[in-house]
C-alpha cells in the first residue's frame, strides 16, 4: 500500500469515521468492477479508493 498521509485524507472527510465508511464503500464498488477515477499503478482496491479520496474524486453522500 502506498503512503497517503492521514492528515490529507482527514481534510477531505473531516472525520475518521466518514473516511473509513467512504473508503470501504468505494473499495467495494471497485471490487465489483467500477472504473478507477485516478491513474494509479497499484492493484489493491483499498489503495485506489484512498488515492481517489486524497485527490478529491469522490465524496461521501449523506443518506446512502
C-alpha atoms as a PDB file:
ATOM      1  CA  UNK A   1       0.000   0.000   0.000  1.00  0.00           C
ATOM      2  CA  UNK A   2       1.369   3.385  -0.909  1.00  0.00           C
ATOM      3  CA  UNK A   3       1.724   6.081   1.708  1.00  0.00           C
ATOM      4  CA  UNK A   4      -1.025   8.688   1.753  1.00  0.00           C
ATOM      5  CA  UNK A   5      -0.800  10.987   4.796  1.00  0.00           C
ATOM      6  CA  UNK A   6      -3.815  10.548   7.067  1.00  0.00           C
ATOM      7  CA  UNK A   7      -3.950  14.321   7.567  1.00  0.00           C
ATOM      8  CA  UNK A   8      -4.595  14.794   3.842  1.00  0.00           C
ATOM      9  CA  UNK A   9      -7.407  12.255   3.910  1.00  0.00           C
ATOM     10  CA  UNK A  10      -8.990  13.757   7.019  1.00  0.00           C
ATOM     11  CA  UNK A  11      -9.034  17.187   5.357  1.00  0.00           C
ATOM     12  CA  UNK A  12     -11.291  15.687   2.691  1.00  0.00           C
ATOM     13  CA  UNK A  13     -13.744  14.000   5.081  1.00  0.00           C
ATOM     14  CA  UNK A  14     -13.423  15.892   8.400  1.00  0.00           C
ATOM     15  CA  UNK A  15     -13.938  12.652  10.317  1.00  0.00           C
ATOM     16  CA  UNK A  16     -12.121   9.349  10.724  1.00  0.00           C
ATOM     17  CA  UNK A  17     -15.473   7.558  10.728  1.00  0.00           C
ATOM     18  CA  UNK A  18     -16.522   9.156   7.442  1.00  0.00           C
ATOM     19  CA  UNK A  19     -13.142   8.334   5.937  1.00  0.00           C
ATOM     20  CA  UNK A  20     -13.470   4.649   6.826  1.00  0.00           C
ATOM     21  CA  UNK A  21     -17.037   4.446   5.516  1.00  0.00           C
ATOM     22  CA  UNK A  22     -16.150   6.223   2.272  1.00  0.00           C
ATOM     23  CA  UNK A  23     -13.050   4.109   1.642  1.00  0.00           C
ATOM     24  CA  UNK A  24     -14.946   0.919   2.388  1.00  0.00           C
ATOM     25  CA  UNK A  25     -17.842   1.760   0.090  1.00  0.00           C
ATOM     26  CA  UNK A  26     -15.552   2.814  -2.739  1.00  0.00           C
ATOM     27  CA  UNK A  27     -13.336  -0.271  -2.378  1.00  0.00           C
ATOM     28  CA  UNK A  28     -16.466  -2.424  -2.600  1.00  0.00           C
ATOM     29  CA  UNK A  29     -17.513  -0.614  -5.793  1.00  0.00           C
ATOM     30  CA  UNK A  30     -14.052  -1.046  -7.312  1.00  0.00           C
ATOM     31  CA  UNK A  31     -14.032  -4.729  -6.385  1.00  0.00           C
ATOM     32  CA  UNK A  32     -17.379  -5.117  -8.164  1.00  0.00           C
ATOM     33  CA  UNK A  33     -15.886  -3.705 -11.371  1.00  0.00           C
ATOM     34  CA  UNK A  34     -16.363   0.071 -11.158  1.00  0.00           C
ATOM     35  CA  UNK A  35     -13.770   2.002 -13.186  1.00  0.00           C
ATOM     36  CA  UNK A  36     -10.897   3.754 -11.404  1.00  0.00           C
ATOM     37  CA  UNK A  37     -11.176   7.543 -11.245  1.00  0.00           C
ATOM     38  CA  UNK A  38      -7.418   8.055 -10.921  1.00  0.00           C
ATOM     39  CA  UNK A  39      -4.361   6.864 -12.808  1.00  0.00           C
ATOM     40  CA  UNK A  40      -2.799   4.662 -10.162  1.00  0.00           C
ATOM     41  CA  UNK A  41      -0.459   1.726 -10.661  1.00  0.00           C
ATOM     42  CA  UNK A  42      -1.492  -0.188  -7.533  1.00  0.00           C
ATOM     43  CA  UNK A  43      -3.884  -3.109  -7.831  1.00  0.00           C
ATOM     44  CA  UNK A  44      -5.341  -3.144  -4.304  1.00  0.00           C
ATOM     45  CA  UNK A  45      -8.804  -1.622  -4.263  1.00  0.00           C
ATOM     46  CA  UNK A  46      -8.219  -0.072  -0.837  1.00  0.00           C
ATOM     47  CA  UNK A  47      -5.151   1.785  -2.122  1.00  0.00           C
ATOM     48  CA  UNK A  48      -7.059   3.010  -5.157  1.00  0.00           C
ATOM     49  CA  UNK A  49     -10.015   4.130  -3.011  1.00  0.00           C
ATOM     50  CA  UNK A  50      -7.749   6.091  -0.647  1.00  0.00           C
ATOM     51  CA  UNK A  51      -5.956   7.738  -3.581  1.00  0.00           C
ATOM     52  CA  UNK A  52      -9.315   8.766  -5.077  1.00  0.00           C
ATOM     53  CA  UNK A  53     -10.296  10.312  -1.739  1.00  0.00           C
ATOM     54  CA  UNK A  54      -6.954  12.117  -1.449  1.00  0.00           C
ATOM     55  CA  UNK A  55      -7.394  13.592  -4.931  1.00  0.00           C
ATOM     56  CA  UNK A  56     -10.955  14.684  -4.162  1.00  0.00           C
ATOM     57  CA  UNK A  57     -12.530  12.492  -6.838  1.00  0.00           C
ATOM     58  CA  UNK A  58     -15.168  11.018  -4.507  1.00  0.00           C
ATOM     59  CA  UNK A  59     -17.143  12.342  -1.564  1.00  0.00           C
ATOM     60  CA  UNK A  60     -19.452  10.771   0.983  1.00  0.00           C
ATOM     61  CA  UNK A  61     -23.141  11.402   0.320  1.00  0.00           C
ATOM     62  CA  UNK A  62     -25.245  11.553   3.452  1.00  0.00           C
ATOM     63  CA  UNK A  63     -28.219   9.239   3.441  1.00  0.00           C
ATOM     64  CA  UNK A  64     -26.653   6.476   1.372  1.00  0.00           C
END
